[in-house]
N, C-alpha and C. Protein backbone atom coordinates (compact mmCIF):
# COMPACT_ATOMS: atom_id res chain seq x y z
N MET A 1 75.16 -34.87 210.69
CA MET A 1 74.83 -35.57 209.45
C MET A 1 73.33 -35.90 209.43
N SER A 2 72.64 -35.54 208.35
CA SER A 2 71.20 -35.79 208.25
C SER A 2 70.93 -37.25 208.06
N ILE A 3 69.69 -37.64 208.33
CA ILE A 3 69.30 -39.04 208.17
C ILE A 3 69.46 -39.44 206.71
N TRP A 4 69.23 -38.50 205.80
CA TRP A 4 69.32 -38.84 204.36
C TRP A 4 70.76 -39.05 203.95
N SER A 5 71.69 -38.34 204.56
CA SER A 5 73.12 -38.58 204.31
C SER A 5 73.49 -39.94 204.77
N ARG A 6 72.97 -40.31 205.95
CA ARG A 6 73.26 -41.67 206.49
C ARG A 6 72.66 -42.76 205.63
N ILE A 7 71.47 -42.46 205.05
CA ILE A 7 70.84 -43.44 204.16
C ILE A 7 71.69 -43.58 202.88
N SER A 8 72.21 -42.46 202.39
CA SER A 8 73.06 -42.53 201.20
C SER A 8 74.30 -43.33 201.47
N GLU A 9 74.88 -43.23 202.66
CA GLU A 9 76.02 -44.01 203.05
C GLU A 9 75.69 -45.49 203.10
N ALA A 10 74.50 -45.80 203.66
CA ALA A 10 74.09 -47.24 203.71
C ALA A 10 73.92 -47.82 202.33
N LEU A 11 73.35 -47.04 201.42
CA LEU A 11 73.16 -47.54 200.04
C LEU A 11 74.51 -47.67 199.30
N ALA A 12 75.40 -46.72 199.59
CA ALA A 12 76.72 -46.75 198.93
C ALA A 12 77.51 -47.97 199.36
N ALA A 13 77.23 -48.51 200.56
CA ALA A 13 77.94 -49.66 201.07
C ALA A 13 77.48 -50.97 200.45
N LEU A 14 76.38 -50.92 199.69
CA LEU A 14 75.93 -52.14 199.03
C LEU A 14 76.90 -52.55 197.98
N ALA A 15 77.17 -53.85 197.90
CA ALA A 15 78.03 -54.37 196.81
C ALA A 15 77.20 -54.35 195.54
N LYS A 16 77.94 -54.35 194.44
CA LYS A 16 77.26 -54.31 193.14
C LYS A 16 76.32 -55.50 193.02
N GLY A 17 75.05 -55.21 192.67
CA GLY A 17 74.08 -56.23 192.48
C GLY A 17 73.28 -56.59 193.73
N GLU A 18 73.70 -56.04 194.90
CA GLU A 18 72.99 -56.27 196.14
C GLU A 18 71.67 -55.44 196.16
N GLY A 19 70.63 -56.04 196.72
CA GLY A 19 69.38 -55.32 196.88
C GLY A 19 69.18 -54.77 198.26
N LEU A 20 68.00 -54.21 198.54
CA LEU A 20 67.75 -53.60 199.86
C LEU A 20 67.71 -54.61 200.96
N THR A 21 67.45 -55.88 200.62
CA THR A 21 67.43 -56.91 201.66
C THR A 21 68.79 -56.98 202.38
N ALA A 22 69.88 -56.66 201.64
CA ALA A 22 71.20 -56.65 202.27
C ALA A 22 71.33 -55.51 203.25
N VAL A 23 70.69 -54.35 202.94
CA VAL A 23 70.70 -53.24 203.86
C VAL A 23 70.01 -53.57 205.16
N PHE A 24 68.90 -54.32 205.06
CA PHE A 24 68.14 -54.67 206.27
C PHE A 24 69.00 -55.52 207.21
N GLU A 25 69.86 -56.34 206.65
CA GLU A 25 70.74 -57.13 207.51
C GLU A 25 71.80 -56.29 208.20
N LYS A 26 72.28 -55.27 207.45
CA LYS A 26 73.41 -54.46 207.96
C LYS A 26 72.99 -53.44 209.00
N LEU A 27 71.71 -53.13 209.07
CA LEU A 27 71.25 -52.06 209.97
C LEU A 27 70.52 -52.61 211.19
N ARG A 28 70.77 -53.84 211.55
CA ARG A 28 70.06 -54.47 212.66
C ARG A 28 70.47 -53.90 214.02
N GLN A 29 71.62 -53.30 214.10
CA GLN A 29 72.08 -52.86 215.42
C GLN A 29 71.93 -51.33 215.58
N PRO A 30 71.64 -50.89 216.82
CA PRO A 30 71.60 -49.46 217.11
C PRO A 30 73.03 -48.90 216.83
N PRO A 31 73.23 -47.59 216.55
CA PRO A 31 72.20 -46.52 216.65
C PRO A 31 71.52 -46.20 215.31
N GLU A 32 71.63 -47.10 214.37
CA GLU A 32 71.09 -46.81 213.02
C GLU A 32 69.62 -47.21 212.86
N ARG A 33 68.91 -47.35 213.98
CA ARG A 33 67.51 -47.77 213.86
C ARG A 33 66.63 -46.75 213.12
N SER A 34 66.93 -45.43 213.31
CA SER A 34 66.13 -44.43 212.61
C SER A 34 66.36 -44.53 211.12
N VAL A 35 67.57 -44.81 210.71
CA VAL A 35 67.87 -45.01 209.29
C VAL A 35 67.11 -46.27 208.79
N ALA A 36 67.16 -47.32 209.58
CA ALA A 36 66.49 -48.55 209.23
C ALA A 36 64.99 -48.32 209.11
N PHE A 37 64.40 -47.57 210.05
CA PHE A 37 62.96 -47.30 210.00
C PHE A 37 62.58 -46.57 208.72
N THR A 38 63.33 -45.54 208.38
CA THR A 38 63.04 -44.73 207.18
C THR A 38 63.15 -45.55 205.90
N ILE A 39 64.23 -46.34 205.80
CA ILE A 39 64.38 -47.21 204.63
C ILE A 39 63.25 -48.22 204.54
N ALA A 40 62.86 -48.78 205.68
CA ALA A 40 61.82 -49.80 205.70
C ALA A 40 60.46 -49.22 205.22
N VAL A 41 60.14 -47.98 205.68
CA VAL A 41 58.87 -47.36 205.23
C VAL A 41 58.90 -47.11 203.75
N ILE A 42 60.04 -46.55 203.26
CA ILE A 42 60.14 -46.28 201.81
C ILE A 42 60.01 -47.58 201.01
N ALA A 43 60.76 -48.59 201.44
CA ALA A 43 60.82 -49.86 200.70
C ALA A 43 59.46 -50.53 200.61
N LEU A 44 58.79 -50.63 201.79
CA LEU A 44 57.47 -51.28 201.77
C LEU A 44 56.44 -50.43 201.08
N SER A 45 56.56 -49.11 201.12
CA SER A 45 55.67 -48.23 200.39
C SER A 45 55.82 -48.48 198.90
N ALA A 46 57.04 -48.68 198.46
CA ALA A 46 57.30 -48.99 197.03
C ALA A 46 56.63 -50.31 196.63
N LYS A 47 56.76 -51.30 197.51
CA LYS A 47 56.14 -52.59 197.23
C LYS A 47 54.63 -52.47 197.24
N MET A 48 54.08 -51.65 198.16
CA MET A 48 52.65 -51.46 198.24
C MET A 48 52.12 -50.77 196.99
N ALA A 49 52.88 -49.78 196.50
CA ALA A 49 52.52 -49.09 195.29
C ALA A 49 52.48 -50.05 194.11
N LYS A 50 53.37 -51.00 194.13
CA LYS A 50 53.42 -51.98 193.04
C LYS A 50 52.17 -52.90 193.18
N ALA A 51 51.73 -53.10 194.42
CA ALA A 51 50.57 -54.00 194.63
C ALA A 51 49.30 -53.40 194.05
N ASP A 52 49.13 -52.05 194.24
CA ASP A 52 47.87 -51.45 193.72
C ASP A 52 48.07 -50.81 192.37
N GLY A 53 49.32 -50.93 191.85
CA GLY A 53 49.56 -50.55 190.47
C GLY A 53 49.86 -49.11 190.20
N GLN A 54 49.90 -48.22 191.19
CA GLN A 54 50.19 -46.81 190.90
C GLN A 54 50.70 -46.11 192.15
N VAL A 55 51.39 -45.00 191.86
CA VAL A 55 51.80 -44.09 192.92
C VAL A 55 51.17 -42.75 192.63
N THR A 56 50.27 -42.35 193.51
CA THR A 56 49.56 -41.07 193.27
C THR A 56 50.34 -39.92 193.87
N ARG A 57 50.00 -38.70 193.41
CA ARG A 57 50.64 -37.51 193.96
C ARG A 57 50.32 -37.36 195.44
N ASN A 58 49.10 -37.77 195.81
CA ASN A 58 48.71 -37.70 197.23
C ASN A 58 49.58 -38.59 198.10
N GLU A 59 49.94 -39.79 197.54
CA GLU A 59 50.78 -40.68 198.34
C GLU A 59 52.16 -40.11 198.48
N VAL A 60 52.65 -39.46 197.45
CA VAL A 60 53.98 -38.82 197.51
C VAL A 60 53.93 -37.71 198.54
N ALA A 61 52.83 -36.89 198.50
CA ALA A 61 52.65 -35.82 199.45
C ALA A 61 52.58 -36.35 200.86
N ALA A 62 51.90 -37.45 201.07
CA ALA A 62 51.78 -38.03 202.41
C ALA A 62 53.17 -38.46 202.93
N PHE A 63 53.94 -39.02 202.04
CA PHE A 63 55.29 -39.45 202.45
C PHE A 63 56.10 -38.20 202.88
N ARG A 64 55.91 -37.10 202.13
CA ARG A 64 56.63 -35.88 202.47
C ARG A 64 56.15 -35.29 203.81
N GLU A 65 54.88 -35.58 204.15
CA GLU A 65 54.38 -35.12 205.45
C GLU A 65 55.06 -35.90 206.58
N ILE A 66 55.28 -37.16 206.36
CA ILE A 66 55.89 -38.02 207.39
C ILE A 66 57.39 -37.67 207.50
N PHE A 67 58.03 -37.61 206.37
CA PHE A 67 59.49 -37.40 206.34
C PHE A 67 59.80 -36.08 205.63
N THR A 68 60.42 -35.17 206.34
CA THR A 68 60.85 -33.91 205.77
C THR A 68 62.06 -34.17 204.85
N ILE A 69 61.90 -33.88 203.58
CA ILE A 69 62.98 -34.15 202.62
C ILE A 69 63.42 -32.81 201.99
N ALA A 70 64.68 -32.45 202.25
CA ALA A 70 65.21 -31.27 201.63
C ALA A 70 65.49 -31.56 200.15
N PRO A 71 65.52 -30.55 199.32
CA PRO A 71 65.76 -30.78 197.87
C PRO A 71 67.04 -31.57 197.62
N GLU A 72 68.09 -31.29 198.39
CA GLU A 72 69.35 -32.00 198.17
C GLU A 72 69.32 -33.46 198.63
N ASP A 73 68.26 -33.82 199.33
CA ASP A 73 68.14 -35.21 199.83
C ASP A 73 67.16 -36.06 198.99
N GLU A 74 66.50 -35.47 198.01
CA GLU A 74 65.50 -36.15 197.22
C GLU A 74 66.06 -37.36 196.49
N ALA A 75 67.30 -37.24 196.04
CA ALA A 75 67.92 -38.30 195.27
C ALA A 75 68.06 -39.56 196.12
N ALA A 76 68.42 -39.40 197.37
CA ALA A 76 68.56 -40.56 198.26
C ALA A 76 67.23 -41.27 198.48
N ALA A 77 66.17 -40.47 198.74
CA ALA A 77 64.85 -41.09 198.93
C ALA A 77 64.38 -41.79 197.68
N ALA A 78 64.59 -41.16 196.52
CA ALA A 78 64.18 -41.75 195.28
C ALA A 78 64.93 -43.03 194.96
N ARG A 79 66.22 -43.10 195.33
CA ARG A 79 66.98 -44.29 195.08
C ARG A 79 66.48 -45.46 195.87
N VAL A 80 66.13 -45.25 197.16
CA VAL A 80 65.58 -46.30 197.96
C VAL A 80 64.28 -46.82 197.33
N PHE A 81 63.38 -45.91 196.98
CA PHE A 81 62.13 -46.25 196.38
C PHE A 81 62.32 -47.09 195.08
N ASN A 82 63.23 -46.64 194.24
CA ASN A 82 63.45 -47.29 192.95
C ASN A 82 64.11 -48.65 193.17
N LEU A 83 65.03 -48.77 194.11
CA LEU A 83 65.67 -50.06 194.40
C LEU A 83 64.59 -51.06 194.84
N ALA A 84 63.65 -50.63 195.64
CA ALA A 84 62.59 -51.55 196.12
C ALA A 84 61.63 -51.93 194.97
N ARG A 85 61.34 -50.97 194.14
CA ARG A 85 60.45 -51.24 193.01
C ARG A 85 61.06 -52.26 192.03
N GLN A 86 62.41 -52.14 191.85
CA GLN A 86 63.06 -52.97 190.86
C GLN A 86 63.57 -54.29 191.41
N ASP A 87 63.61 -54.40 192.72
CA ASP A 87 64.15 -55.61 193.35
C ASP A 87 63.29 -56.80 193.07
N VAL A 88 63.89 -57.91 192.70
CA VAL A 88 63.14 -59.13 192.40
C VAL A 88 62.57 -59.74 193.68
N ALA A 89 63.13 -59.42 194.82
CA ALA A 89 62.61 -59.93 196.09
C ALA A 89 61.21 -59.43 196.30
N GLY A 90 60.28 -60.27 196.76
CA GLY A 90 58.90 -59.90 197.01
C GLY A 90 58.73 -59.14 198.33
N PHE A 91 57.54 -58.54 198.49
CA PHE A 91 57.32 -57.78 199.70
C PHE A 91 57.35 -58.66 200.96
N GLU A 92 56.96 -59.92 200.84
CA GLU A 92 56.95 -60.82 201.99
C GLU A 92 58.40 -61.01 202.48
N GLU A 93 59.35 -61.17 201.59
CA GLU A 93 60.75 -61.30 201.98
C GLU A 93 61.24 -60.03 202.65
N TYR A 94 60.84 -58.88 202.11
CA TYR A 94 61.16 -57.62 202.73
C TYR A 94 60.65 -57.58 204.18
N ALA A 95 59.37 -57.94 204.34
CA ALA A 95 58.71 -57.89 205.63
C ALA A 95 59.44 -58.77 206.64
N ARG A 96 59.84 -59.99 206.18
CA ARG A 96 60.53 -60.92 207.09
C ARG A 96 61.89 -60.31 207.50
N ARG A 97 62.60 -59.75 206.53
CA ARG A 97 63.91 -59.15 206.84
C ARG A 97 63.77 -57.95 207.79
N ILE A 98 62.72 -57.17 207.57
CA ILE A 98 62.51 -56.02 208.40
C ILE A 98 62.15 -56.41 209.81
N ARG A 99 61.32 -57.46 209.97
CA ARG A 99 61.00 -57.94 211.30
C ARG A 99 62.26 -58.42 212.03
N ARG A 100 63.15 -59.11 211.31
CA ARG A 100 64.43 -59.50 211.96
C ARG A 100 65.30 -58.29 212.29
N MET A 101 65.26 -57.29 211.39
CA MET A 101 66.05 -56.08 211.59
C MET A 101 65.67 -55.38 212.89
N PHE A 102 64.36 -55.40 213.20
CA PHE A 102 63.87 -54.77 214.41
C PHE A 102 63.72 -55.76 215.58
N ASP A 103 64.31 -56.96 215.39
CA ASP A 103 64.29 -57.98 216.45
C ASP A 103 62.89 -58.22 216.96
N SER A 104 61.91 -58.20 216.07
CA SER A 104 60.51 -58.49 216.36
C SER A 104 59.94 -57.51 217.41
N ASN A 105 60.50 -56.30 217.50
CA ASN A 105 60.05 -55.32 218.45
C ASN A 105 58.66 -54.83 218.02
N ALA A 106 57.63 -55.20 218.82
CA ALA A 106 56.23 -54.94 218.44
C ALA A 106 55.94 -53.45 218.25
N GLU A 107 56.50 -52.60 219.14
CA GLU A 107 56.22 -51.17 219.09
C GLU A 107 56.79 -50.56 217.80
N GLN A 108 58.03 -50.90 217.46
CA GLN A 108 58.65 -50.36 216.29
C GLN A 108 57.97 -50.83 215.01
N LEU A 109 57.55 -52.09 215.00
CA LEU A 109 56.88 -52.60 213.85
C LEU A 109 55.48 -52.00 213.69
N SER A 110 54.83 -51.73 214.80
CA SER A 110 53.56 -51.03 214.76
C SER A 110 53.70 -49.62 214.26
N ASP A 111 54.77 -48.94 214.66
CA ASP A 111 55.03 -47.60 214.15
C ASP A 111 55.19 -47.64 212.62
N LEU A 112 55.86 -48.65 212.15
CA LEU A 112 56.09 -48.81 210.72
C LEU A 112 54.77 -49.01 210.01
N MET A 113 53.92 -49.90 210.54
CA MET A 113 52.62 -50.19 209.94
C MET A 113 51.80 -48.86 209.90
N GLU A 114 51.92 -48.05 210.91
CA GLU A 114 51.21 -46.77 210.95
C GLU A 114 51.61 -45.90 209.78
N GLY A 115 52.91 -45.83 209.50
CA GLY A 115 53.37 -45.08 208.37
C GLY A 115 52.81 -45.60 207.05
N LEU A 116 52.74 -46.91 206.91
CA LEU A 116 52.19 -47.50 205.69
C LEU A 116 50.70 -47.18 205.53
N PHE A 117 49.94 -47.25 206.63
CA PHE A 117 48.52 -46.85 206.54
C PHE A 117 48.35 -45.40 206.13
N TYR A 118 49.22 -44.59 206.72
CA TYR A 118 49.15 -43.12 206.45
C TYR A 118 49.31 -42.89 204.96
N ILE A 119 50.28 -43.56 204.34
CA ILE A 119 50.53 -43.39 202.92
C ILE A 119 49.45 -44.04 202.08
N ALA A 120 49.00 -45.23 202.47
CA ALA A 120 47.98 -45.94 201.73
C ALA A 120 46.70 -45.14 201.59
N LEU A 121 46.33 -44.43 202.66
CA LEU A 121 45.05 -43.68 202.68
C LEU A 121 45.18 -42.28 202.21
N ALA A 122 46.35 -41.90 201.71
CA ALA A 122 46.57 -40.49 201.33
C ALA A 122 45.64 -40.05 200.20
N ASP A 123 45.28 -40.96 199.31
CA ASP A 123 44.41 -40.60 198.20
C ASP A 123 42.92 -40.74 198.53
N GLY A 124 42.64 -41.08 199.77
CA GLY A 124 41.23 -41.16 200.22
C GLY A 124 40.59 -42.49 199.92
N ASP A 125 41.33 -43.40 199.26
CA ASP A 125 40.78 -44.70 198.95
C ASP A 125 41.61 -45.78 199.59
N TYR A 126 40.93 -46.89 199.95
CA TYR A 126 41.60 -48.01 200.57
C TYR A 126 41.35 -49.20 199.64
N HIS A 127 42.27 -49.48 198.74
CA HIS A 127 42.06 -50.50 197.74
C HIS A 127 42.16 -51.92 198.35
N THR A 128 41.46 -52.82 197.71
CA THR A 128 41.50 -54.21 198.18
C THR A 128 42.90 -54.74 198.18
N ALA A 129 43.69 -54.39 197.15
CA ALA A 129 45.06 -54.83 197.09
C ALA A 129 45.89 -54.30 198.23
N GLU A 130 45.61 -53.04 198.64
CA GLU A 130 46.36 -52.44 199.76
C GLU A 130 45.97 -53.12 201.05
N ASN A 131 44.69 -53.44 201.23
CA ASN A 131 44.30 -54.13 202.45
C ASN A 131 44.95 -55.50 202.55
N ALA A 132 44.96 -56.24 201.45
CA ALA A 132 45.58 -57.56 201.45
C ALA A 132 47.09 -57.43 201.73
N PHE A 133 47.71 -56.44 201.13
CA PHE A 133 49.13 -56.19 201.38
C PHE A 133 49.42 -55.89 202.84
N LEU A 134 48.66 -54.99 203.42
CA LEU A 134 48.90 -54.59 204.82
C LEU A 134 48.59 -55.69 205.79
N GLU A 135 47.51 -56.43 205.52
CA GLU A 135 47.16 -57.59 206.37
C GLU A 135 48.30 -58.62 206.37
N ARG A 136 48.86 -58.88 205.20
CA ARG A 136 49.94 -59.86 205.11
C ARG A 136 51.22 -59.36 205.81
N VAL A 137 51.54 -58.10 205.61
CA VAL A 137 52.72 -57.52 206.30
C VAL A 137 52.55 -57.60 207.81
N ALA A 138 51.35 -57.24 208.27
CA ALA A 138 51.05 -57.28 209.72
C ALA A 138 51.21 -58.71 210.24
N GLU A 139 50.75 -59.65 209.48
CA GLU A 139 50.84 -61.06 209.89
C GLU A 139 52.29 -61.47 210.01
N ILE A 140 53.12 -61.10 209.02
CA ILE A 140 54.56 -61.44 209.04
C ILE A 140 55.26 -60.72 210.21
N PHE A 141 54.85 -59.49 210.49
CA PHE A 141 55.40 -58.72 211.60
C PHE A 141 55.01 -59.31 212.99
N GLY A 142 53.98 -60.16 212.97
CA GLY A 142 53.49 -60.70 214.28
C GLY A 142 52.57 -59.73 214.99
N ILE A 143 51.96 -58.85 214.26
CA ILE A 143 51.02 -57.89 214.86
C ILE A 143 49.67 -58.58 215.02
N SER A 144 49.07 -58.47 216.17
CA SER A 144 47.81 -59.17 216.45
C SER A 144 46.67 -58.62 215.63
N ASP A 145 45.62 -59.44 215.46
CA ASP A 145 44.44 -58.98 214.73
C ASP A 145 43.82 -57.75 215.41
N ASN A 146 43.79 -57.70 216.74
CA ASN A 146 43.21 -56.57 217.44
C ASN A 146 44.04 -55.29 217.14
N ALA A 147 45.32 -55.41 217.18
CA ALA A 147 46.17 -54.24 216.89
C ALA A 147 46.00 -53.77 215.47
N PHE A 148 45.89 -54.72 214.52
CA PHE A 148 45.68 -54.35 213.14
C PHE A 148 44.36 -53.65 212.95
N ARG A 149 43.31 -54.18 213.59
CA ARG A 149 41.97 -53.56 213.49
C ARG A 149 41.99 -52.18 214.08
N ALA A 150 42.77 -51.98 215.16
CA ALA A 150 42.87 -50.62 215.78
C ALA A 150 43.48 -49.63 214.79
N LEU A 151 44.54 -50.07 214.12
CA LEU A 151 45.18 -49.17 213.12
C LEU A 151 44.22 -48.88 211.96
N ARG A 152 43.57 -49.95 211.49
CA ARG A 152 42.66 -49.71 210.35
C ARG A 152 41.47 -48.82 210.72
N ALA A 153 40.98 -48.96 211.96
CA ALA A 153 39.86 -48.13 212.42
C ALA A 153 40.23 -46.69 212.41
N ARG A 154 41.48 -46.37 212.70
CA ARG A 154 41.93 -45.00 212.73
C ARG A 154 42.12 -44.37 211.35
N PHE A 155 42.42 -45.21 210.38
CA PHE A 155 42.81 -44.65 209.04
C PHE A 155 41.78 -44.86 207.95
N VAL A 156 41.09 -45.98 207.92
CA VAL A 156 40.21 -46.30 206.82
C VAL A 156 38.95 -45.45 206.87
N PRO A 157 38.59 -44.74 205.80
CA PRO A 157 37.51 -43.74 205.83
C PRO A 157 36.13 -44.30 205.54
N ASP A 158 35.94 -45.58 205.39
CA ASP A 158 34.67 -46.12 204.92
C ASP A 158 33.65 -46.22 206.08
N ALA A 159 34.06 -45.91 207.26
CA ALA A 159 33.12 -45.95 208.38
C ALA A 159 33.63 -45.05 209.51
N VAL A 160 32.72 -44.64 210.40
CA VAL A 160 33.13 -43.83 211.53
C VAL A 160 33.97 -44.71 212.45
N PRO A 161 35.18 -44.29 212.80
CA PRO A 161 36.05 -45.09 213.63
C PRO A 161 35.39 -45.47 214.96
N ASP A 162 35.39 -46.75 215.30
CA ASP A 162 34.89 -47.18 216.58
C ASP A 162 35.88 -46.85 217.63
N PRO A 163 35.53 -46.02 218.62
CA PRO A 163 36.53 -45.56 219.61
C PRO A 163 37.10 -46.71 220.42
N PHE A 164 36.32 -47.75 220.71
CA PHE A 164 36.81 -48.87 221.47
C PHE A 164 37.88 -49.64 220.72
N THR A 165 37.67 -49.78 219.38
CA THR A 165 38.64 -50.49 218.54
C THR A 165 39.91 -49.65 218.47
N VAL A 166 39.77 -48.34 218.35
CA VAL A 166 40.95 -47.45 218.25
C VAL A 166 41.83 -47.60 219.48
N LEU A 167 41.21 -47.75 220.66
CA LEU A 167 42.01 -47.88 221.88
C LEU A 167 42.38 -49.33 222.19
N GLY A 168 41.86 -50.27 221.40
CA GLY A 168 42.17 -51.66 221.63
C GLY A 168 41.51 -52.25 222.86
N VAL A 169 40.27 -51.75 223.15
CA VAL A 169 39.53 -52.23 224.32
C VAL A 169 38.14 -52.70 223.86
N SER A 170 37.40 -53.29 224.76
CA SER A 170 36.04 -53.73 224.46
C SER A 170 35.01 -52.89 225.23
N PRO A 171 33.82 -52.74 224.70
CA PRO A 171 32.80 -51.90 225.33
C PRO A 171 32.42 -52.37 226.72
N ASP A 172 32.61 -53.66 227.02
CA ASP A 172 32.20 -54.17 228.31
C ASP A 172 33.28 -53.99 229.41
N MET A 173 34.38 -53.40 229.06
CA MET A 173 35.43 -53.20 230.05
C MET A 173 35.04 -52.08 230.99
N PRO A 174 35.43 -52.14 232.26
CA PRO A 174 35.18 -51.02 233.19
C PRO A 174 35.85 -49.75 232.68
N ILE A 175 35.23 -48.62 232.92
CA ILE A 175 35.72 -47.36 232.40
C ILE A 175 37.12 -47.07 233.00
N ALA A 176 37.41 -47.54 234.21
CA ALA A 176 38.73 -47.33 234.82
C ALA A 176 39.81 -48.04 234.01
N GLU A 177 39.47 -49.26 233.52
CA GLU A 177 40.42 -50.02 232.74
C GLU A 177 40.66 -49.36 231.37
N ILE A 178 39.56 -48.84 230.79
CA ILE A 178 39.69 -48.14 229.49
C ILE A 178 40.56 -46.89 229.67
N ARG A 179 40.34 -46.14 230.77
CA ARG A 179 41.12 -44.98 231.05
C ARG A 179 42.63 -45.34 231.19
N LYS A 180 42.88 -46.44 231.84
CA LYS A 180 44.26 -46.94 232.00
C LYS A 180 44.90 -47.22 230.66
N GLN A 181 44.16 -47.88 229.76
CA GLN A 181 44.69 -48.17 228.44
C GLN A 181 44.95 -46.88 227.65
N TRP A 182 44.01 -45.91 227.77
CA TRP A 182 44.16 -44.66 227.07
C TRP A 182 45.44 -43.95 227.54
N ARG A 183 45.66 -43.88 228.85
CA ARG A 183 46.81 -43.25 229.38
C ARG A 183 48.12 -43.92 228.94
N LYS A 184 48.06 -45.26 228.85
CA LYS A 184 49.20 -46.02 228.40
C LYS A 184 49.55 -45.66 226.95
N LEU A 185 48.53 -45.59 226.12
CA LEU A 185 48.74 -45.21 224.71
C LEU A 185 49.26 -43.79 224.55
N VAL A 186 48.80 -42.89 225.41
CA VAL A 186 49.26 -41.49 225.37
C VAL A 186 50.74 -41.47 225.68
N ARG A 187 51.15 -42.21 226.76
CA ARG A 187 52.56 -42.25 227.09
C ARG A 187 53.41 -42.81 225.97
N GLU A 188 52.94 -43.91 225.38
CA GLU A 188 53.72 -44.57 224.31
C GLU A 188 53.79 -43.73 223.06
N SER A 189 52.84 -42.81 222.90
CA SER A 189 52.74 -42.02 221.68
C SER A 189 53.42 -40.68 221.78
N HIS A 190 54.03 -40.40 222.92
CA HIS A 190 54.74 -39.10 223.06
C HIS A 190 55.89 -39.08 222.09
N PRO A 191 56.12 -37.95 221.38
CA PRO A 191 57.19 -37.89 220.40
C PRO A 191 58.52 -38.29 220.92
N ASP A 192 58.87 -37.93 222.17
CA ASP A 192 60.20 -38.29 222.72
C ASP A 192 60.31 -39.79 222.89
N VAL A 193 59.22 -40.45 223.31
CA VAL A 193 59.23 -41.90 223.49
C VAL A 193 59.37 -42.58 222.14
N MET A 194 58.69 -42.10 221.12
CA MET A 194 58.75 -42.71 219.82
C MET A 194 60.12 -42.51 219.20
N CYS A 195 60.71 -41.36 219.39
CA CYS A 195 62.06 -41.16 218.90
C CYS A 195 63.07 -42.08 219.59
N ALA A 196 62.85 -42.27 220.92
CA ALA A 196 63.75 -43.11 221.70
C ALA A 196 63.76 -44.58 221.21
N ARG A 197 62.64 -45.04 220.62
CA ARG A 197 62.61 -46.39 220.09
C ARG A 197 62.94 -46.50 218.63
N GLY A 198 63.43 -45.43 218.04
CA GLY A 198 63.94 -45.51 216.67
C GLY A 198 63.22 -44.73 215.61
N LEU A 199 62.10 -44.09 215.96
CA LEU A 199 61.38 -43.29 214.96
C LEU A 199 62.20 -42.04 214.76
N PRO A 200 62.54 -41.73 213.47
CA PRO A 200 63.34 -40.54 213.23
C PRO A 200 62.56 -39.24 213.57
N GLU A 201 63.30 -38.21 213.94
CA GLU A 201 62.65 -36.94 214.24
C GLU A 201 61.84 -36.44 213.01
N GLU A 202 62.32 -36.78 211.84
CA GLU A 202 61.62 -36.38 210.59
C GLU A 202 60.22 -36.98 210.50
N ALA A 203 59.96 -38.02 211.26
CA ALA A 203 58.64 -38.72 211.16
C ALA A 203 57.74 -38.42 212.32
N ILE A 204 57.95 -37.30 212.98
CA ILE A 204 57.18 -36.99 214.19
C ILE A 204 55.71 -36.77 213.90
N LYS A 205 55.37 -36.53 212.62
CA LYS A 205 53.96 -36.34 212.23
C LYS A 205 53.12 -37.53 212.64
N LEU A 206 53.70 -38.74 212.63
CA LEU A 206 52.96 -39.93 213.02
C LEU A 206 52.52 -39.87 214.46
N SER A 207 53.40 -39.40 215.34
CA SER A 207 53.01 -39.37 216.77
C SER A 207 51.96 -38.31 217.00
N GLU A 208 51.99 -37.23 216.23
CA GLU A 208 50.98 -36.19 216.41
C GLU A 208 49.62 -36.73 216.00
N LYS A 209 49.57 -37.43 214.90
CA LYS A 209 48.27 -37.94 214.44
C LYS A 209 47.75 -39.03 215.41
N ARG A 210 48.67 -39.86 215.91
CA ARG A 210 48.25 -40.92 216.83
C ARG A 210 47.62 -40.34 218.07
N LEU A 211 48.26 -39.29 218.62
CA LEU A 211 47.73 -38.65 219.84
C LEU A 211 46.35 -38.05 219.59
N ILE A 212 46.15 -37.44 218.46
CA ILE A 212 44.82 -36.89 218.10
C ILE A 212 43.81 -37.99 218.06
N ASP A 213 44.12 -39.08 217.43
CA ASP A 213 43.16 -40.18 217.26
C ASP A 213 42.78 -40.84 218.60
N ILE A 214 43.76 -41.11 219.43
CA ILE A 214 43.48 -41.81 220.71
C ILE A 214 42.79 -40.88 221.68
N ASN A 215 43.14 -39.62 221.66
CA ASN A 215 42.42 -38.67 222.56
C ASN A 215 40.99 -38.47 222.12
N ARG A 216 40.75 -38.44 220.80
CA ARG A 216 39.39 -38.30 220.32
C ARG A 216 38.55 -39.52 220.71
N ALA A 217 39.18 -40.70 220.64
CA ALA A 217 38.44 -41.94 220.99
C ALA A 217 38.09 -41.91 222.47
N TRP A 218 39.05 -41.53 223.33
CA TRP A 218 38.77 -41.46 224.77
C TRP A 218 37.70 -40.44 225.06
N GLU A 219 37.73 -39.29 224.42
CA GLU A 219 36.73 -38.26 224.66
C GLU A 219 35.31 -38.78 224.33
N GLU A 220 35.23 -39.53 223.22
CA GLU A 220 33.93 -40.08 222.84
C GLU A 220 33.42 -41.13 223.83
N ILE A 221 34.32 -41.99 224.27
CA ILE A 221 33.96 -43.01 225.24
C ILE A 221 33.54 -42.39 226.59
N SER A 222 34.34 -41.48 227.07
CA SER A 222 34.05 -40.86 228.38
C SER A 222 32.77 -40.04 228.31
N ALA A 223 32.49 -39.43 227.17
CA ALA A 223 31.24 -38.66 227.00
C ALA A 223 30.03 -39.59 227.09
N ARG A 224 30.17 -40.78 226.54
CA ARG A 224 29.04 -41.75 226.58
C ARG A 224 28.78 -42.15 228.04
N GLU A 225 29.87 -42.25 228.83
CA GLU A 225 29.71 -42.67 230.22
C GLU A 225 28.94 -41.62 231.05
N GLN A 226 29.02 -40.37 230.59
CA GLN A 226 28.37 -39.29 231.38
C GLN A 226 26.93 -39.08 231.02
N VAL A 227 26.47 -39.76 229.93
CA VAL A 227 25.08 -39.61 229.50
C VAL A 227 24.13 -40.36 230.48
């Protein structure tokens, strides 16, 4: 059974008049974490689109890059998006429910934030409203300022990414410690590891991009050391 079929089942189980917040409560237990992750990204993307006032074709394309959607599954994805857009519950309530759904697991919540950044930057612009939205979601998720800055440094195009920020280290750290952090991030970003903690196979694009970004940051730092 595809993840989209499982999502359709989760939505069908909603009582009449229930919103997506009810789904977040029902999917708190494994093995449905990949379903929960997918619904959470769609739902918060819908709320983010509402925050900046529009959904661009690029954002839709970016979502399709993260999640492979067969034609027969488009209705399920669209229903989640529309439920979130129409739900009277605000994005902060969604974020709180999602944090509880993932039991405040920092890695899973960071994966989710990564997906939101990916979609937000799909049109090449980082709107003030999107930044405020993502900052607040990260705060509710309990993501540290350093971790949020590392994510933003990788995605926001208004400046050359600082490699130290991308790796979550400081320039005055010994190179051996920076190498240790880089290796840790590489291990954590392996597709198999990310799938094991609930990232659906359909979203493996995120792990590929993360590995490219952290390896590029390490290459730049190590090259500086050799000068």
